[in-house]
Amino acid sequence: MIVVLVSGCKNAQQASVVAFPRSFSELAQKVQPAVVNISSTSTVRI
């Protein structure tokens, strides 16, 4: 039981260290539709 617990802790520790996203594509696809481009026109006196 102790061996299993220690092994589990090591695996969890290793998992937290290598928790690097493989891709951000799903997140990008999720948020992009609500992001807008804004163009504004103003008058400047010369």
PDB file of all heavy atoms in Angstrom:
ATOM      1  N   MET A   1       0.825  -1.205   0.000  1.00  0.00           N
ATOM      2  CA  MET A   1       0.000   0.000   0.000  1.00  0.00           C
ATOM      3  C   MET A   1       0.863   1.262   0.000  1.00  0.00           C
ATOM      4  O   MET A   1       0.598   2.230  -0.723  1.00  0.00           O
ATOM      5  CB  MET A   1      -0.929   0.008   1.233  1.00  0.00           C
ATOM      6  CG  MET A   1      -1.925   1.174   1.243  1.00  0.00           C
ATOM      7  SD  MET A   1      -2.944   1.148   2.735  1.00  0.00           S
ATOM      8  CE  MET A   1      -3.797  -0.406   2.496  1.00  0.00           C
ATOM      9  N   ILE A   2       1.931   1.242   0.794  1.00  0.00           N
ATOM     10  CA  ILE A   2       2.837   2.393   0.869  1.00  0.00           C
ATOM     11  C   ILE A   2       3.513   2.628  -0.471  1.00  0.00           C
ATOM     12  O   ILE A   2       3.646   3.757  -0.943  1.00  0.00           O
ATOM     13  CB  ILE A   2       3.894   2.179   1.976  1.00  0.00           C
ATOM     14  CG1 ILE A   2       3.213   2.212   3.350  1.00  0.00           C
ATOM     15  CG2 ILE A   2       4.986   3.235   1.901  1.00  0.00           C
ATOM     16  CD1 ILE A   2       4.127   1.818   4.495  1.00  0.00           C
ATOM     17  N   VAL A   3       3.940   1.493  -1.120  1.00  0.00           N
ATOM     18  CA  VAL A   3       4.577   1.603  -2.425  1.00  0.00           C
ATOM     19  C   VAL A   3       3.632   2.231  -3.438  1.00  0.00           C
ATOM     20  O   VAL A   3       4.010   3.098  -4.241  1.00  0.00           O
ATOM     21  CB  VAL A   3       5.058   0.220  -2.911  1.00  0.00           C
ATOM     22  CG1 VAL A   3       5.489   0.299  -4.385  1.00  0.00           C
ATOM     23  CG2 VAL A   3       6.194  -0.282  -2.043  1.00  0.00           C
ATOM     24  N   VAL A   4       2.365   1.800  -3.427  1.00  0.00           N
ATOM     25  CA  VAL A   4       1.369   2.338  -4.361  1.00  0.00           C
ATOM     26  C   VAL A   4       1.155   3.828  -4.124  1.00  0.00           C
ATOM     27  O   VAL A   4       1.096   4.632  -5.064  1.00  0.00           O
ATOM     28  CB  VAL A   4       0.034   1.571  -4.219  1.00  0.00           C
ATOM     29  CG1 VAL A   4      -1.069   2.287  -4.999  1.00  0.00           C
ATOM     30  CG2 VAL A   4       0.191   0.151  -4.716  1.00  0.00           C
ATOM     31  N   LEU A   5       1.058   4.230  -2.833  1.00  0.00           N
ATOM     32  CA  LEU A   5       0.844   5.644  -2.502  1.00  0.00           C
ATOM     33  C   LEU A   5       2.013   6.508  -2.937  1.00  0.00           C
ATOM     34  O   LEU A   5       1.846   7.587  -3.509  1.00  0.00           O
ATOM     35  CB  LEU A   5       0.606   5.800  -0.997  1.00  0.00           C
ATOM     36  CG  LEU A   5      -0.742   5.315  -0.479  1.00  0.00           C
ATOM     37  CD1 LEU A   5      -0.769   5.359   1.050  1.00  0.00           C
ATOM     38  CD2 LEU A   5      -1.870   6.163  -1.046  1.00  0.00           C
ATOM     39  N   VAL A   6       3.231   6.037  -2.657  1.00  0.00           N
ATOM     40  CA  VAL A   6       4.425   6.802  -3.043  1.00  0.00           C
ATOM     41  C   VAL A   6       4.506   6.923  -4.553  1.00  0.00           C
ATOM     42  O   VAL A   6       4.808   7.987  -5.108  1.00  0.00           O
ATOM     43  CB  VAL A   6       5.699   6.127  -2.480  1.00  0.00           C
ATOM     44  CG1 VAL A   6       6.945   6.780  -3.080  1.00  0.00           C
ATOM     45  CG2 VAL A   6       5.720   6.223  -0.966  1.00  0.00           C
ATOM     46  N   SER A   7       4.217   5.804  -5.240  1.00  0.00           N
ATOM     47  CA  SER A   7       4.252   5.825  -6.698  1.00  0.00           C
ATOM     48  C   SER A   7       3.232   6.797  -7.254  1.00  0.00           C
ATOM     49  O   SER A   7       3.498   7.549  -8.191  1.00  0.00           O
ATOM     50  CB  SER A   7       3.999   4.415  -7.239  1.00  0.00           C
ATOM     51  OG  SER A   7       3.947   4.426  -8.646  1.00  0.00           O
ATOM     52  N   GLY A   8       2.033   6.796  -6.634  1.00  0.00           N
ATOM     53  CA  GLY A   8       0.983   7.717  -7.073  1.00  0.00           C
ATOM     54  C   GLY A   8       1.374   9.162  -6.876  1.00  0.00           C
ATOM     55  O   GLY A   8       1.138  10.018  -7.733  1.00  0.00           O
ATOM     56  N   CYS A   9       2.015   9.460  -5.739  1.00  0.00           N
ATOM     57  CA  CYS A   9       2.462  10.827  -5.455  1.00  0.00           C
ATOM     58  C   CYS A   9       3.499  11.286  -6.476  1.00  0.00           C
ATOM     59  O   CYS A   9       3.485  12.408  -6.950  1.00  0.00           O
ATOM     60  CB  CYS A   9       3.036  10.938  -4.046  1.00  0.00           C
ATOM     61  SG  CYS A   9       1.779  10.826  -2.745  1.00  0.00           S
ATOM     62  N   LYS A  10       4.440  10.373  -6.791  1.00  0.00           N
ATOM     63  CA  LYS A  10       5.478  10.715  -7.767  1.00  0.00           C
ATOM     64  C   LYS A  10       4.872  10.984  -9.131  1.00  0.00           C
ATOM     65  O   LYS A  10       5.253  11.920  -9.830  1.00  0.00           O
ATOM     66  CB  LYS A  10       6.501   9.583  -7.862  1.00  0.00           C
ATOM     67  CG  LYS A  10       7.457   9.529  -6.670  1.00  0.00           C
ATOM     68  CD  LYS A  10       8.511   8.458  -6.879  1.00  0.00           C
ATOM     69  CE  LYS A  10       9.519   8.443  -5.733  1.00  0.00           C
ATOM     70  NZ  LYS A  10      10.554   7.407  -5.911  1.00  0.00           N
ATOM     71  N   ASN A  11       3.889  10.124  -9.517  1.00  0.00           N
ATOM     72  CA  ASN A  11       3.252  10.321 -10.817  1.00  0.00           C
ATOM     73  C   ASN A  11       2.495  11.640 -10.867  1.00  0.00           C
ATOM     74  O   ASN A  11       2.517  12.352 -11.874  1.00  0.00           O
ATOM     75  CB  ASN A  11       2.295   9.160 -11.123  1.00  0.00           C
ATOM     76  CG  ASN A  11       3.048   7.871 -11.394  1.00  0.00           C
ATOM     77  OD1 ASN A  11       4.214   7.905 -11.782  1.00  0.00           O
ATOM     78  ND2 ASN A  11       2.389   6.739 -11.188  1.00  0.00           N
ATOM     79  N   ALA A  12       1.810  11.957  -9.741  1.00  0.00           N
ATOM     80  CA  ALA A  12       1.059  13.215  -9.675  1.00  0.00           C
ATOM     81  C   ALA A  12       2.004  14.402  -9.749  1.00  0.00           C
ATOM     82  O   ALA A  12       1.734  15.409 -10.406  1.00  0.00           O
ATOM     83  CB  ALA A  12       0.242  13.270  -8.381  1.00  0.00           C
ATOM     84  N   GLN A  13       3.147  14.256  -9.070  1.00  0.00           N
ATOM     85  CA  GLN A  13       4.139  15.330  -9.070  1.00  0.00           C
ATOM     86  C   GLN A  13       4.695  15.537 -10.475  1.00  0.00           C
ATOM     87  O   GLN A  13       4.829  16.656 -10.959  1.00  0.00           O
ATOM     88  CB  GLN A  13       5.270  14.965  -8.109  1.00  0.00           C
ATOM     89  CG  GLN A  13       6.007  16.174  -7.555  1.00  0.00           C
ATOM     90  CD  GLN A  13       6.966  15.784  -6.453  1.00  0.00           C
ATOM     91  OE1 GLN A  13       7.439  14.648  -6.396  1.00  0.00           O
ATOM     92  NE2 GLN A  13       7.239  16.698  -5.567  1.00  0.00           N
ATOM     93  N   GLN A  14       4.985  14.415 -11.149  1.00  0.00           N
ATOM     94  CA  GLN A  14       5.491  14.500 -12.509  1.00  0.00           C
ATOM     95  C   GLN A  14       4.451  15.092 -13.443  1.00  0.00           C
ATOM     96  O   GLN A  14       4.765  15.893 -14.319  1.00  0.00           O
ATOM     97  CB  GLN A  14       5.907  13.118 -13.004  1.00  0.00           C
ATOM     98  CG  GLN A  14       7.171  12.583 -12.308  1.00  0.00           C
ATOM     99  CD  GLN A  14       7.464  11.151 -12.708  1.00  0.00           C
ATOM    100  OE1 GLN A  14       6.651  10.505 -13.368  1.00  0.00           O
ATOM    101  NE2 GLN A  14       8.607  10.651 -12.305  1.00  0.00           N
ATOM    102  N   ALA A  15       3.173  14.726 -13.224  1.00  0.00           N
ATOM    103  CA  ALA A  15       2.097  15.244 -14.069  1.00  0.00           C
ATOM    104  C   ALA A  15       1.972  16.746 -13.923  1.00  0.00           C
ATOM    105  O   ALA A  15       1.743  17.465 -14.896  1.00  0.00           O
ATOM    106  CB  ALA A  15       0.770  14.558 -13.716  1.00  0.00           C
ATOM    107  N   SER A  16       2.114  17.250 -12.679  1.00  0.00           N
ATOM    108  CA  SER A  16       1.996  18.689 -12.458  1.00  0.00           C
ATOM    109  C   SER A  16       3.152  19.432 -13.095  1.00  0.00           C
ATOM    110  O   SER A  16       3.021  20.564 -13.538  1.00  0.00           O
ATOM    111  CB  SER A  16       1.942  19.000 -10.957  1.00  0.00           C
ATOM    112  OG  SER A  16       3.167  18.646 -10.334  1.00  0.00           O
ATOM    113  N   VAL A  17       4.315  18.793 -13.178  1.00  0.00           N
ATOM    114  CA  VAL A  17       5.482  19.439 -13.759  1.00  0.00           C
ATOM    115  C   VAL A  17       5.351  19.531 -15.273  1.00  0.00           C
ATOM    116  O   VAL A  17       5.735  20.517 -15.889  1.00  0.00           O
ATOM    117  CB  VAL A  17       6.771  18.686 -13.369  1.00  0.00           C
ATOM    118  CG1 VAL A  17       7.966  19.219 -14.146  1.00  0.00           C
ATOM    119  CG2 VAL A  17       7.022  18.809 -11.871  1.00  0.00           C
ATOM    120  N   VAL A  18       4.790  18.491 -15.897  1.00  0.00           N
ATOM    121  CA  VAL A  18       4.734  18.446 -17.357  1.00  0.00           C
ATOM    122  C   VAL A  18       3.359  18.831 -17.884  1.00  0.00           C
ATOM    123  O   VAL A  18       3.021  18.498 -19.008  1.00  0.00           O
ATOM    124  CB  VAL A  18       5.109  17.029 -17.880  1.00  0.00           C
ATOM    125  CG1 VAL A  18       6.515  16.668 -17.498  1.00  0.00           C
ATOM    126  CG2 VAL A  18       4.127  15.964 -17.361  1.00  0.00           C
ATOM    127  N   ALA A  19       2.551  19.548 -17.075  1.00  0.00           N
ATOM    128  CA  ALA A  19       1.201  19.935 -17.499  1.00  0.00           C
ATOM    129  C   ALA A  19       1.278  21.064 -18.519  1.00  0.00           C
ATOM    130  O   ALA A  19       0.892  22.196 -18.255  1.00  0.00           O
ATOM    131  CB  ALA A  19       0.375  20.358 -16.294  1.00  0.00           C
ATOM    132  N   PHE A  20       1.819  20.780 -19.686  1.00  0.00           N
ATOM    133  CA  PHE A  20       1.957  21.763 -20.758  1.00  0.00           C
ATOM    134  C   PHE A  20       0.889  21.468 -21.811  1.00  0.00           C
ATOM    135  O   PHE A  20       0.816  20.346 -22.321  1.00  0.00           O
ATOM    136  CB  PHE A  20       3.349  21.660 -21.378  1.00  0.00           C
ATOM    137  CG  PHE A  20       3.665  22.761 -22.341  1.00  0.00           C
ATOM    138  CD1 PHE A  20       4.339  23.882 -21.923  1.00  0.00           C
ATOM    139  CD2 PHE A  20       3.279  22.667 -23.674  1.00  0.00           C
ATOM    140  CE1 PHE A  20       4.640  24.902 -22.815  1.00  0.00           C
ATOM    141  CE2 PHE A  20       3.560  23.682 -24.568  1.00  0.00           C
ATOM    142  CZ  PHE A  20       4.246  24.793 -24.139  1.00  0.00           C
ATOM    143  N   PRO A  21       0.040  22.453 -22.152  1.00  0.00           N
ATOM    144  CA  PRO A  21      -1.020  22.178 -23.134  1.00  0.00           C
ATOM    145  C   PRO A  21      -0.443  21.757 -24.474  1.00  0.00           C
ATOM    146  O   PRO A  21       0.511  22.358 -24.977  1.00  0.00           O
ATOM    147  CB  PRO A  21      -1.725  23.542 -23.250  1.00  0.00           C
ATOM    148  CG  PRO A  21      -1.364  24.286 -22.016  1.00  0.00           C
ATOM    149  CD  PRO A  21      -0.001  23.824 -21.640  1.00  0.00           C
ATOM    150  N   ARG A  22      -1.006  20.700 -25.039  1.00  0.00           N
ATOM    151  CA  ARG A  22      -0.553  20.259 -26.360  1.00  0.00           C
ATOM    152  C   ARG A  22      -0.931  21.275 -27.424  1.00  0.00           C
ATOM    153  O   ARG A  22      -0.209  21.459 -28.403  1.00  0.00           O
ATOM    154  CB  ARG A  22      -1.177  18.903 -26.696  1.00  0.00           C
ATOM    155  CG  ARG A  22      -0.651  17.751 -25.859  1.00  0.00           C
ATOM    156  CD  ARG A  22      -1.250  16.441 -26.341  1.00  0.00           C
ATOM    157  NE  ARG A  22      -0.737  15.306 -25.589  1.00  0.00           N
ATOM    158  CZ  ARG A  22      -1.096  14.049 -25.799  1.00  0.00           C
ATOM    159  NH1 ARG A  22      -1.966  13.774 -26.777  1.00  0.00           N
ATOM    160  NH2 ARG A  22      -0.597  13.071 -25.079  1.00  0.00           N
ATOM    161  N   SER A  23      -2.092  21.904 -27.236  1.00  0.00           N
ATOM    162  CA  SER A  23      -2.571  22.871 -28.212  1.00  0.00           C
ATOM    163  C   SER A  23      -3.559  23.820 -27.542  1.00  0.00           C
ATOM    164  O   SER A  23      -4.227  23.451 -26.567  1.00  0.00           O
ATOM    165  CB  SER A  23      -3.249  22.151 -29.384  1.00  0.00           C
ATOM    166  OG  SER A  23      -3.868  23.087 -30.248  1.00  0.00           O
ATOM    167  N   PHE A  24      -3.631  25.045 -28.080  1.00  0.00           N
ATOM    168  CA  PHE A  24      -4.608  26.028 -27.598  1.00  0.00           C
ATOM    169  C   PHE A  24      -5.746  26.191 -28.610  1.00  0.00           C
ATOM    170  O   PHE A  24      -6.533  27.123 -28.508  1.00  0.00           O
ATOM    171  CB  PHE A  24      -3.923  27.381 -27.382  1.00  0.00           C
ATOM    172  CG  PHE A  24      -2.866  27.369 -26.313  1.00  0.00           C
ATOM    173  CD1 PHE A  24      -1.532  27.153 -26.628  1.00  0.00           C
ATOM    174  CD2 PHE A  24      -3.205  27.574 -24.982  1.00  0.00           C
ATOM    175  CE1 PHE A  24      -0.556  27.148 -25.645  1.00  0.00           C
ATOM    176  CE2 PHE A  24      -2.237  27.565 -23.987  1.00  0.00           C
ATOM    177  CZ  PHE A  24      -0.913  27.356 -24.319  1.00  0.00           C
ATOM    178  N   SER A  25      -5.815  25.288 -29.575  1.00  0.00           N
ATOM    179  CA  SER A  25      -6.760  25.451 -30.686  1.00  0.00           C
ATOM    180  C   SER A  25      -8.210  25.428 -30.227  1.00  0.00           C
ATOM    181  O   SER A  25      -9.028  26.240 -30.675  1.00  0.00           O
ATOM    182  CB  SER A  25      -6.524  24.385 -31.748  1.00  0.00           C
ATOM    183  OG  SER A  25      -6.694  23.088 -31.199  1.00  0.00           O
ATOM    184  N   GLU A  26      -8.557  24.487 -29.343  1.00  0.00           N
ATOM    185  CA  GLU A  26      -9.947  24.404 -28.876  1.00  0.00           C
ATOM    186  C   GLU A  26     -10.345  25.659 -28.114  1.00  0.00           C
ATOM    187  O   GLU A  26     -11.454  26.175 -28.274  1.00  0.00           O
ATOM    188  CB  GLU A  26     -10.130  23.164 -27.997  1.00  0.00           C
ATOM    189  CG  GLU A  26     -10.042  21.856 -28.753  1.00  0.00           C
ATOM    190  CD  GLU A  26     -10.351  20.659 -27.867  1.00  0.00           C
ATOM    191  OE1 GLU A  26     -10.748  20.870 -26.703  1.00  0.00           O
ATOM    192  OE2 GLU A  26     -10.207  19.526 -28.352  1.00  0.00           O
ATOM    193  N   LEU A  27      -9.436  26.157 -27.272  1.00  0.00           N
ATOM    194  CA  LEU A  27      -9.713  27.373 -26.513  1.00  0.00           C
ATOM    195  C   LEU A  27      -9.859  28.563 -27.453  1.00  0.00           C
ATOM    196  O   LEU A  27     -10.766  29.382 -27.288  1.00  0.00           O
ATOM    197  CB  LEU A  27      -8.585  27.622 -25.508  1.00  0.00           C
ATOM    198  CG  LEU A  27      -8.721  28.854 -24.618  1.00  0.00           C
ATOM    199  CD1 LEU A  27      -9.988  28.800 -23.786  1.00  0.00           C
ATOM    200  CD2 LEU A  27      -7.502  28.982 -23.708  1.00  0.00           C
ATOM    201  N   ALA A  28      -8.975  28.656 -28.452  1.00  0.00           N
ATOM    202  CA  ALA A  28      -9.051  29.761 -29.411  1.00  0.00           C
ATOM    203  C   ALA A  28     -10.365  29.742 -30.182  1.00  0.00           C
ATOM    204  O   ALA A  28     -11.015  30.781 -30.367  1.00  0.00           O
ATOM    205  CB  ALA A  28      -7.868  29.691 -30.374  1.00  0.00           C
ATOM    206  N   GLN A  29     -10.777  28.554 -30.620  1.00  0.00           N
ATOM    207  CA  GLN A  29     -12.037  28.432 -31.350  1.00  0.00           C
ATOM    208  C   GLN A  29     -13.223  28.802 -30.475  1.00  0.00           C
ATOM    209  O   GLN A  29     -14.213  29.358 -30.955  1.00  0.00           O
ATOM    210  CB  GLN A  29     -12.199  27.009 -31.879  1.00  0.00           C
ATOM    211  CG  GLN A  29     -11.229  26.662 -33.004  1.00  0.00           C
ATOM    212  CD  GLN A  29     -11.341  25.205 -33.425  1.00  0.00           C
ATOM    213  OE1 GLN A  29     -12.106  24.434 -32.852  1.00  0.00           O
ATOM    214  NE2 GLN A  29     -10.565  24.811 -34.435  1.00  0.00           N
ATOM    215  N   LYS A  30     -13.104  28.532 -29.197  1.00  0.00           N
ATOM    216  CA  LYS A  30     -14.199  28.811 -28.267  1.00  0.00           C
ATOM    217  C   LYS A  30     -14.392  30.309 -28.052  1.00  0.00           C
ATOM    218  O   LYS A  30     -15.524  30.794 -27.970  1.00  0.00           O
ATOM    219  CB  LYS A  30     -13.908  28.113 -26.931  1.00  0.00           C
ATOM    220  CG  LYS A  30     -14.903  28.405 -25.822  1.00  0.00           C
ATOM    221  CD  LYS A  30     -14.491  27.717 -24.532  1.00  0.00           C
ATOM    222  CE  LYS A  30     -15.428  28.070 -23.387  1.00  0.00           C
ATOM    223  NZ  LYS A  30     -14.991  27.422 -22.106  1.00  0.00           N
ATOM    224  N   VAL A  31     -13.289  31.057 -27.949  1.00  0.00           N
ATOM    225  CA  VAL A  31     -13.396  32.469 -27.562  1.00  0.00           C
ATOM    226  C   VAL A  31     -13.437  33.433 -28.749  1.00  0.00           C
ATOM    227  O   VAL A  31     -13.967  34.544 -28.614  1.00  0.00           O
ATOM    228  CB  VAL A  31     -12.237  32.860 -26.622  1.00  0.00           C
ATOM    229  CG1 VAL A  31     -12.230  31.973 -25.388  1.00  0.00           C
ATOM    230  CG2 VAL A  31     -10.886  32.818 -27.326  1.00  0.00           C
ATOM    231  N   GLN A  32     -12.904  33.044 -29.886  1.00  0.00           N
ATOM    232  CA  GLN A  32     -12.796  33.975 -31.011  1.00  0.00           C
ATOM    233  C   GLN A  32     -14.121  34.589 -31.470  1.00  0.00           C
ATOM    234  O   GLN A  32     -14.145  35.774 -31.809  1.00  0.00           O
ATOM    235  CB  GLN A  32     -12.109  33.297 -32.196  1.00  0.00           C
ATOM    236  CG  GLN A  32     -10.593  33.368 -32.143  1.00  0.00           C
ATOM    237  CD  GLN A  32      -9.947  32.823 -33.398  1.00  0.00           C
ATOM    238  OE1 GLN A  32     -10.328  31.769 -33.902  1.00  0.00           O
ATOM    239  NE2 GLN A  32      -8.959  33.527 -33.898  1.00  0.00           N
ATOM    240  N   PRO A  33     -15.222  33.841 -31.523  1.00  0.00           N
ATOM    241  CA  PRO A  33     -16.462  34.438 -32.035  1.00  0.00           C
ATOM    242  C   PRO A  33     -16.933  35.672 -31.272  1.00  0.00           C
ATOM    243  O   PRO A  33     -17.602  36.533 -31.848  1.00  0.00           O
ATOM    244  CB  PRO A  33     -17.475  33.287 -31.904  1.00  0.00           C
ATOM    245  CG  PRO A  33     -16.644  32.049 -31.980  1.00  0.00           C
ATOM    246  CD  PRO A  33     -15.377  32.385 -31.272  1.00  0.00           C
ATOM    247  N   ALA A  34     -16.600  35.784 -29.979  1.00  0.00           N
ATOM    248  CA  ALA A  34     -17.079  36.914 -29.170  1.00  0.00           C
ATOM    249  C   ALA A  34     -16.114  38.088 -29.179  1.00  0.00           C
ATOM    250  O   ALA A  34     -16.402  39.143 -28.605  1.00  0.00           O
ATOM    251  CB  ALA A  34     -17.333  36.465 -27.735  1.00  0.00           C
ATOM    252  N   VAL A  35     -14.948  37.926 -29.829  1.00  0.00           N
ATOM    253  CA  VAL A  35     -13.969  39.015 -29.920  1.00  0.00           C
ATOM    254  C   VAL A  35     -14.243  39.800 -31.199  1.00  0.00           C
ATOM    255  O   VAL A  35     -14.428  39.219 -32.266  1.00  0.00           O
ATOM    256  CB  VAL A  35     -12.525  38.477 -29.929  1.00  0.00           C
ATOM    257  CG1 VAL A  35     -11.522  39.632 -30.010  1.00  0.00           C
ATOM    258  CG2 VAL A  35     -12.273  37.647 -28.673  1.00  0.00           C
ATOM    259  N   VAL A  36     -14.280  41.128 -31.098  1.00  0.00           N
ATOM    260  CA  VAL A  36     -14.648  41.967 -32.243  1.00  0.00           C
ATOM    261  C   VAL A  36     -13.518  42.912 -32.618  1.00  0.00           C
ATOM    262  O   VAL A  36     -12.672  43.260 -31.790  1.00  0.00           O
ATOM    263  CB  VAL A  36     -15.925  42.779 -31.946  1.00  0.00           C
ATOM    264  CG1 VAL A  36     -17.073  41.860 -31.571  1.00  0.00           C
ATOM    265  CG2 VAL A  36     -15.687  43.802 -30.831  1.00  0.00           C
ATOM    266  N   ASN A  37     -13.517  43.295 -33.874  1.00  0.00           N
ATOM    267  CA  ASN A  37     -12.618  44.340 -34.371  1.00  0.00           C
ATOM    268  C   ASN A  37     -13.381  45.657 -34.388  1.00  0.00           C
ATOM    269  O   ASN A  37     -14.539  45.710 -34.831  1.00  0.00           O
ATOM    270  CB  ASN A  37     -12.119  44.007 -35.778  1.00  0.00           C
ATOM    271  CG  ASN A  37     -11.324  42.727 -35.805  1.00  0.00           C
ATOM    272  OD1 ASN A  37     -10.659  42.382 -34.833  1.00  0.00           O
ATOM    273  ND2 ASN A  37     -11.394  41.999 -36.910  1.00  0.00           N
ATOM    274  N   ILE A  38     -12.751  46.709 -33.916  1.00  0.00           N
ATOM    275  CA  ILE A  38     -13.406  48.015 -33.820  1.00  0.00           C
ATOM    276  C   ILE A  38     -12.629  49.029 -34.640  1.00  0.00           C
ATOM    277  O   ILE A  38     -11.417  49.186 -34.475  1.00  0.00           O
ATOM    278  CB  ILE A  38     -13.479  48.491 -32.357  1.00  0.00           C
ATOM    279  CG1 ILE A  38     -14.282  47.491 -31.509  1.00  0.00           C
ATOM    280  CG2 ILE A  38     -14.100  49.882 -32.271  1.00  0.00           C
ATOM    281  CD1 ILE A  38     -14.288  47.819 -30.027  1.00  0.00           C
ATOM    282  N   SER A  39     -13.316  49.707 -35.541  1.00  0.00           N
ATOM    283  CA  SER A  39     -12.723  50.814 -36.287  1.00  0.00           C
ATOM    284  C   SER A  39     -13.529  52.064 -35.992  1.00  0.00           C
ATOM    285  O   SER A  39     -14.763  52.052 -36.063  1.00  0.00           O
ATOM    286  CB  SER A  39     -12.701  50.528 -37.787  1.00  0.00           C
ATOM    287  OG  SER A  39     -14.003  50.342 -38.280  1.00  0.00           O
ATOM    288  N   SER A  40     -12.852  53.129 -35.611  1.00  0.00           N
ATOM    289  CA  SER A  40     -13.536  54.382 -35.279  1.00  0.00           C
ATOM    290  C   SER A  40     -12.992  55.510 -36.131  1.00  0.00           C
ATOM    291  O   SER A  40     -11.798  55.546 -36.463  1.00  0.00           O
ATOM    292  CB  SER A  40     -13.359  54.715 -33.795  1.00  0.00           C
ATOM    293  OG  SER A  40     -11.998  54.896 -33.470  1.00  0.00           O
ATOM    294  N   THR A  41     -13.862  56.431 -36.492  1.00  0.00           N
ATOM    295  CA  THR A  41     -13.494  57.593 -37.290  1.00  0.00           C
ATOM    296  C   THR A  41     -13.771  58.856 -36.493  1.00  0.00           C
ATOM    297  O   THR A  41     -14.865  59.028 -35.937  1.00  0.00           O
ATOM    298  CB  THR A  41     -14.296  57.634 -38.601  1.00  0.00           C
ATOM    299  OG1 THR A  41     -14.120  56.399 -39.299  1.00  0.00           O
ATOM    300  CG2 THR A  41     -13.837  58.778 -39.478  1.00  0.00           C
ATOM    301  N   SER A  42     -12.777  59.722 -36.398  1.00  0.00           N
ATOM    302  CA  SER A  42     -12.932  60.978 -35.659  1.00  0.00           C
ATOM    303  C   SER A  42     -12.456  62.133 -36.525  1.00  0.00           C
ATOM    304  O   SER A  42     -11.745  61.936 -37.523  1.00  0.00           O
ATOM    305  CB  SER A  42     -12.140  60.926 -34.349  1.00  0.00           C
ATOM    306  OG  SER A  42     -10.776  60.674 -34.598  1.00  0.00           O
ATOM    307  N   THR A  43     -12.852  63.339 -36.143  1.00  0.00           N
ATOM    308  CA  THR A  43     -12.478  64.543 -36.883  1.00  0.00           C
ATOM    309  C   THR A  43     -11.397  65.298 -36.128  1.00  0.00           C
ATOM    310  O   THR A  43     -11.549  65.598 -34.942  1.00  0.00           O
ATOM    311  CB  THR A  43     -13.692  65.460 -37.086  1.00  0.00           C
ATOM    312  OG1 THR A  43     -14.725  64.735 -37.756  1.00  0.00           O
ATOM    313  CG2 THR A  43     -13.309  66.682 -37.904  1.00  0.00           C
ATOM    314  N   VAL A  44     -10.294  65.579 -36.805  1.00  0.00           N
ATOM    315  CA  VAL A  44      -9.175  66.307 -36.208  1.00  0.00           C
ATOM    316  C   VAL A  44      -9.049  67.654 -36.900  1.00  0.00           C
ATOM    317  O   VAL A  44      -9.107  67.743 -38.131  1.00  0.00           O
ATOM    318  CB  VAL A  44      -7.854  65.507 -36.355  1.00  0.00           C
ATOM    319  CG1 VAL A  44      -6.693  66.279 -35.748  1.00  0.00           C
ATOM    320  CG2 VAL A  44      -7.989  64.151 -35.689  1.00  0.00           C
ATOM    321  N   ARG A  45      -8.876  68.724 -36.118  1.00  0.00           N
ATOM    322  CA  ARG A  45      -8.726  70.066 -36.666  1.00  0.00           C
ATOM    323  C   ARG A  45      -7.240  70.353 -36.959  1.00  0.00           C
ATOM    324  O   ARG A  45      -6.393  70.215 -36.083  1.00  0.00           O
ATOM    325  CB  ARG A  45      -9.243  71.110 -35.687  1.00  0.00           C
ATOM    326  CG  ARG A  45     -10.647  70.871 -35.162  1.00  0.00           C
ATOM    327  CD  ARG A  45     -11.721  70.945 -36.204  1.00  0.00           C
ATOM    328  NE  ARG A  45     -11.765  72.196 -36.926  1.00  0.00           N
ATOM    329  CZ  ARG A  45     -12.707  72.481 -37.825  1.00  0.00           C
ATOM    330  NH1 ARG A  45     -13.648  71.578 -38.106  1.00  0.00           N
ATOM    331  NH2 ARG A  45     -12.689  73.634 -38.464  1.00  0.00           N
ATOM    332  N   ILE A  46      -6.937  70.729 -38.189  1.00  0.00           N
ATOM    333  CA  ILE A  46      -5.579  71.087 -38.595  1.00  0.00           C
ATOM    334  C   ILE A  46      -5.522  72.597 -38.792  1.00  0.00           C
ATOM    335  O   ILE A  46      -6.363  73.167 -39.498  1.00  0.00           O
ATOM    336  CB  ILE A  46      -5.183  70.376 -39.908  1.00  0.00           C
ATOM    337  CG1 ILE A  46      -5.293  68.862 -39.748  1.00  0.00           C
ATOM    338  CG2 ILE A  46      -3.776  70.778 -40.320  1.00  0.00           C
ATOM    339  CD1 ILE A  46      -4.359  68.284 -38.716  1.00  0.00           C
TER     340      ILE A  46
END
